[in-house]
Amino acid sequence: MAGIVLTTASTPFPFAGTNVVMPIEDVLADGGAGTAIDLDRLKVAYRHGQLAAMGGTTVTLRVAPDGHAATLYVPGKAPWKVTGKGRIAVLQRLVDAQAAGTPHVNTKKLMADTGCTSPANLFTGKHSPWRSYMETVPGTRAWQLKLTTFDEVIVDDSDTRSAATEAVTEEV
């Protein structure tokens, strides 16, 4: 079940599990004597973050029982629905490699039995979002899923003195 997490951090993670995370300051009502949540702002902010949060916390490919359609779930991205056995096979190989801890898949192995030589030939269409979900591995002839990473440390800098005190206290 998806939900909303309100935070005081000005630049939070976009989601926590399947929950949309948003700064409370983004949804406060303007004016008035007291503090109140603007429900219209809350709904819009939730809709904008909902698809990314629905991507879940793990990479998953759910294939329909007939094997002709599937949905790829990648954390931080909207679920991607694809059709066609060749496309599904390519995505399954990428998901399996990611799950095995070796995310790179050689292009020849990736495209085996698809009738195409690269994902660019297989995932055609003017509006296909495939480049948002997979990428070449620099310096190799391999592909991998394009995952959102959170390598940056997010610091709530609203009160630098207490943040510095906390950091010093934790080190002692």
Protein backbone atom coordinates (compact mmCIF):
# COMPACT_ATOMS: atom_id res chain seq x y z
CA MET A 1 0.00 0.00 0.00
CA ALA A 2 1.42 3.36 -1.01
CA GLY A 3 1.28 6.39 1.24
CA ILE A 4 2.73 9.81 1.95
CA VAL A 5 5.59 10.67 4.29
CA LEU A 6 5.93 14.35 5.20
CA THR A 7 9.39 15.48 6.25
CA THR A 8 11.12 18.63 7.39
CA ALA A 9 14.12 17.96 5.10
CA SER A 10 14.13 20.35 2.16
CA THR A 11 15.53 17.77 -0.30
CA PRO A 12 14.39 14.33 0.85
CA PHE A 13 14.66 11.01 -0.91
CA PRO A 14 11.79 10.92 -3.44
CA PHE A 15 10.30 7.78 -1.91
CA ALA A 16 10.59 5.35 0.98
CA GLY A 17 9.50 1.92 -0.14
CA THR A 18 6.25 2.57 -1.97
CA ASN A 19 5.60 5.79 -0.05
CA VAL A 20 6.04 9.22 -1.60
CA VAL A 21 8.28 11.47 0.54
CA MET A 22 7.78 15.21 0.32
CA PRO A 23 8.87 18.27 2.28
CA ILE A 24 6.04 19.53 4.46
CA GLU A 25 6.88 23.09 3.38
CA ASP A 26 5.77 22.15 -0.17
CA VAL A 27 2.22 21.40 0.93
CA LEU A 28 1.52 24.05 3.57
CA ALA A 29 -1.40 26.38 2.88
CA ASP A 30 -0.59 30.03 2.22
CA GLY A 31 -1.77 32.65 4.73
CA GLY A 32 -4.18 32.16 7.57
CA ALA A 33 -3.61 32.32 11.29
CA GLY A 34 -2.70 28.66 11.84
CA THR A 35 -0.70 26.06 9.98
CA ALA A 36 -2.68 23.85 7.62
CA ILE A 37 -2.01 21.42 4.78
CA ASP A 38 -3.19 22.50 1.34
CA LEU A 39 -4.95 19.34 0.11
CA ASP A 40 -4.71 20.37 -3.55
CA ARG A 41 -0.93 20.80 -3.28
CA LEU A 42 -0.69 17.50 -1.40
CA LYS A 43 -2.64 15.65 -4.12
CA VAL A 44 -0.53 17.13 -6.94
CA ALA A 45 2.76 16.37 -5.14
CA TYR A 46 1.58 12.82 -4.44
CA ARG A 47 0.61 12.21 -8.08
CA HIS A 48 4.00 13.45 -9.27
CA GLY A 49 5.90 11.09 -6.96
CA GLN A 50 3.49 8.16 -6.99
CA LEU A 51 4.71 6.42 -10.14
CA ALA A 52 8.33 6.52 -9.02
CA ALA A 53 7.36 5.19 -5.61
CA MET A 54 5.38 2.39 -7.24
CA GLY A 55 8.66 1.24 -8.75
CA GLY A 56 9.16 -0.38 -5.35
CA THR A 57 12.37 -1.20 -3.58
CA THR A 58 13.68 -4.05 -5.72
CA VAL A 59 14.08 -4.65 -9.43
CA THR A 60 11.31 -6.96 -10.60
CA LEU A 61 9.88 -8.13 -13.91
CA ARG A 62 6.33 -9.42 -13.69
CA VAL A 63 5.41 -11.43 -16.76
CA ALA A 64 1.79 -12.05 -17.72
CA PRO A 65 0.67 -15.71 -17.72
CA ASP A 66 0.58 -15.80 -21.53
CA GLY A 67 4.20 -14.55 -21.73
CA HIS A 68 3.38 -11.76 -24.18
CA ALA A 69 3.32 -8.81 -21.76
CA ALA A 70 5.34 -7.77 -18.72
CA THR A 71 5.89 -4.88 -16.35
CA LEU A 72 9.37 -3.85 -15.22
CA TYR A 73 9.60 -2.35 -11.74
CA VAL A 74 12.75 -0.36 -10.98
CA PRO A 75 13.14 1.70 -7.78
CA GLY A 76 12.76 5.39 -8.48
CA LYS A 77 11.15 4.93 -11.90
CA ALA A 78 7.61 4.51 -13.11
CA PRO A 79 6.64 0.90 -13.88
CA TRP A 80 7.31 0.14 -17.57
CA LYS A 81 4.89 -2.08 -19.48
CA VAL A 82 6.30 -3.95 -22.46
CA THR A 83 4.94 -6.45 -24.95
CA GLY A 84 6.66 -9.03 -27.11
CA LYS A 85 8.62 -12.11 -26.17
CA GLY A 86 11.95 -10.71 -27.42
CA ARG A 87 11.64 -7.55 -25.35
CA ILE A 88 10.58 -9.52 -22.30
CA ALA A 89 13.52 -11.92 -22.74
CA VAL A 90 15.99 -9.00 -22.85
CA LEU A 91 14.51 -7.41 -19.73
CA GLN A 92 14.47 -10.77 -17.93
CA ARG A 93 18.18 -11.25 -18.68
CA LEU A 94 18.95 -7.80 -17.26
CA VAL A 95 16.82 -8.41 -14.16
CA ASP A 96 18.41 -11.83 -13.60
CA ALA A 97 21.91 -10.36 -13.94
CA GLN A 98 21.06 -7.59 -11.47
CA ALA A 99 19.68 -10.13 -8.99
CA ALA A 100 22.82 -12.29 -9.37
CA GLY A 101 25.03 -9.34 -8.48
CA THR A 102 26.62 -9.15 -11.93
CA PRO A 103 24.51 -6.48 -13.62
CA HIS A 104 26.48 -6.35 -16.92
CA VAL A 105 25.16 -8.52 -19.75
CA ASN A 106 27.20 -8.93 -22.94
CA THR A 107 25.30 -7.50 -25.92
CA LYS A 108 25.43 -10.75 -27.89
CA LYS A 109 24.08 -12.75 -24.95
CA LEU A 110 21.51 -10.07 -24.16
CA MET A 111 20.11 -10.03 -27.69
CA ALA A 112 20.21 -13.82 -28.30
CA ASP A 113 17.10 -15.18 -30.06
CA THR A 114 15.54 -11.73 -30.54
CA GLY A 115 16.44 -11.19 -34.19
CA CYS A 116 18.07 -7.86 -33.28
CA THR A 117 21.65 -6.84 -32.59
CA SER A 118 21.04 -4.18 -29.94
CA PRO A 119 18.30 -2.85 -27.68
CA ALA A 120 18.02 0.19 -29.97
CA ASN A 121 16.79 -2.14 -32.73
CA LEU A 122 14.41 -4.05 -30.47
CA PHE A 123 12.86 -1.23 -28.44
CA THR A 124 11.77 0.93 -31.34
CA GLY A 125 9.16 3.60 -31.26
CA LYS A 126 9.30 7.33 -30.99
CA HIS A 127 8.11 7.42 -27.39
CA SER A 128 9.67 4.24 -26.01
CA PRO A 129 11.34 5.02 -22.66
CA TRP A 130 13.86 2.18 -22.93
CA ARG A 131 16.88 4.50 -22.56
CA SER A 132 15.61 5.48 -19.11
CA TYR A 133 15.68 1.83 -18.00
CA MET A 134 18.87 0.40 -19.52
CA GLU A 135 22.28 1.70 -20.48
CA THR A 136 25.53 0.59 -22.02
CA VAL A 137 28.39 -0.15 -19.67
CA PRO A 138 31.22 2.27 -20.54
CA GLY A 139 34.27 0.60 -22.06
CA THR A 140 32.50 -2.71 -22.71
CA ARG A 141 30.10 -4.32 -25.13
CA ALA A 142 27.55 -4.87 -22.41
CA TRP A 143 24.30 -3.47 -21.06
CA GLN A 144 22.82 -3.09 -17.60
CA LEU A 145 19.68 -1.73 -15.98
CA LYS A 146 19.84 1.99 -15.31
CA LEU A 147 19.26 2.27 -11.59
CA THR A 148 18.72 5.41 -9.57
CA THR A 149 21.46 5.74 -6.97
CA PHE A 150 21.49 7.76 -3.81
CA ASP A 151 25.21 8.26 -3.45
CA GLU A 152 24.87 11.79 -2.18
CA VAL A 153 24.46 12.36 1.53
CA ILE A 154 21.47 14.57 2.21
CA VAL A 155 22.09 17.03 5.02
CA ASP A 156 19.39 19.09 6.69
CA ASP A 157 21.27 22.35 6.88
CA SER A 158 18.47 24.34 8.49
CA ASP A 159 20.35 24.38 11.82
CA THR A 160 24.06 23.98 11.19
CA ARG A 161 25.03 24.31 14.87
CA SER A 162 22.95 21.34 16.03
CA ALA A 163 24.06 19.29 13.01
CA ALA A 164 27.71 19.95 13.88
CA THR A 165 27.07 19.08 17.54
CA GLU A 166 25.36 15.82 16.55
CA ALA A 167 28.26 14.89 14.28
CA VAL A 168 30.81 15.58 17.03
CA THR A 169 28.74 13.71 19.64
CA GLU A 170 28.42 10.62 17.40
CA GLU A 171 32.18 10.45 16.83
CA VAL A 172 33.02 10.46 20.55
